Amino acid sequence: AAQQFLAAIGVPALLIHALDDPIVPGMAYKSQRWADNPRLHPLLPAQGGHVGFHGADGRPWHLETISRFLAKMSAD
């Protein structure tokens, strides 16, 4: 499990995980103490399945989300 490494992450990191993922349970992400490492930015949508981040128009919304995150981090 990667949880043991989260506290050591030293750069801003966006973590995207759908809570209804049938392969990787969302409970692990819900129980994580995110405030312990302010560099971690969790985005935990209720739906998305396993790598299924598609908007109503069928386009993958995670690509734009990641782009905005990186732009914000580079501006700070």
Protein backbone atom coordinates (compact mmCIF):
# COMPACT_ATOMS: atom_id res chain seq x y z
CA ALA A 1 0.00 0.00 0.00
CA ALA A 2 1.20 3.47 -0.87
CA GLN A 3 -0.27 5.04 2.27
CA GLN A 4 3.00 4.59 4.12
CA PHE A 5 4.74 6.92 1.65
CA LEU A 6 2.22 9.79 1.57
CA ALA A 7 3.74 11.65 4.54
CA ALA A 8 7.11 11.82 2.77
CA ILE A 9 5.81 13.49 -0.41
CA GLY A 10 7.60 16.83 -0.56
CA VAL A 11 6.08 18.46 -3.62
CA PRO A 12 2.45 19.42 -4.32
CA ALA A 13 0.61 16.32 -5.53
CA LEU A 14 -2.90 16.01 -6.91
CA LEU A 15 -4.45 12.65 -6.10
CA ILE A 16 -7.55 11.76 -8.13
CA HIS A 17 -9.51 8.67 -7.17
CA ALA A 18 -13.16 7.78 -7.75
CA LEU A 19 -14.76 6.49 -4.58
CA ASP A 20 -16.76 3.91 -6.55
CA ASP A 21 -13.64 2.32 -8.06
CA PRO A 22 -14.39 -1.44 -8.15
CA ILE A 23 -10.70 -2.40 -8.04
CA VAL A 24 -9.15 0.02 -5.52
CA PRO A 25 -11.60 0.66 -2.66
CA GLY A 26 -12.34 4.32 -1.98
CA MET A 27 -12.45 3.76 1.78
CA ALA A 28 -8.65 3.88 1.96
CA TYR A 29 -8.77 7.42 0.59
CA LYS A 30 -11.65 8.53 2.80
CA SER A 31 -9.86 7.37 5.94
CA GLN A 32 -6.56 9.09 5.05
CA ARG A 33 -5.60 12.05 7.26
CA TRP A 34 -4.93 14.49 4.40
CA ALA A 35 -4.16 17.44 6.70
CA ASP A 36 -1.03 15.62 7.90
CA ASN A 37 0.67 16.59 4.63
CA PRO A 38 -0.55 19.92 3.19
CA ARG A 39 1.22 19.18 -0.11
CA LEU A 40 -1.36 16.50 -0.88
CA HIS A 41 -4.46 17.66 -2.73
CA PRO A 42 -7.06 14.89 -2.85
CA LEU A 43 -9.86 15.01 -5.41
CA LEU A 44 -12.26 12.18 -4.59
CA PRO A 45 -15.35 12.23 -6.81
CA ALA A 46 -18.16 9.86 -5.83
CA GLN A 47 -18.28 8.36 -9.33
CA GLY A 48 -15.76 7.50 -11.99
CA GLY A 49 -15.12 3.81 -11.59
CA HIS A 50 -11.64 2.59 -12.40
CA VAL A 51 -9.98 5.26 -14.57
CA GLY A 52 -13.33 6.46 -15.87
CA PHE A 53 -13.14 10.21 -15.47
CA HIS A 54 -15.41 11.19 -18.33
CA GLY A 55 -17.72 14.18 -18.23
CA ALA A 56 -21.26 14.44 -19.55
CA ASP A 57 -19.84 15.25 -23.00
CA GLY A 58 -17.69 12.08 -22.95
CA ARG A 59 -14.43 14.00 -22.70
CA PRO A 60 -12.03 13.07 -19.89
CA TRP A 61 -12.30 15.90 -17.35
CA HIS A 62 -9.23 14.80 -15.40
CA LEU A 63 -6.88 16.16 -18.09
CA GLU A 64 -8.21 19.72 -17.69
CA THR A 65 -8.22 19.32 -13.90
CA ILE A 66 -4.57 18.29 -13.89
CA SER A 67 -3.66 21.13 -16.23
CA ARG A 68 -5.34 23.70 -13.94
CA PHE A 69 -3.63 22.19 -10.89
CA LEU A 70 -0.18 22.40 -12.50
CA ALA A 71 -0.82 25.98 -13.65
CA LYS A 72 -1.83 26.98 -10.13
CA MET A 73 1.21 25.29 -8.59
CA SER A 74 3.59 26.95 -11.03
CA ALA A 75 2.02 30.37 -10.34
CA ASP A 76 2.43 30.07 -6.55
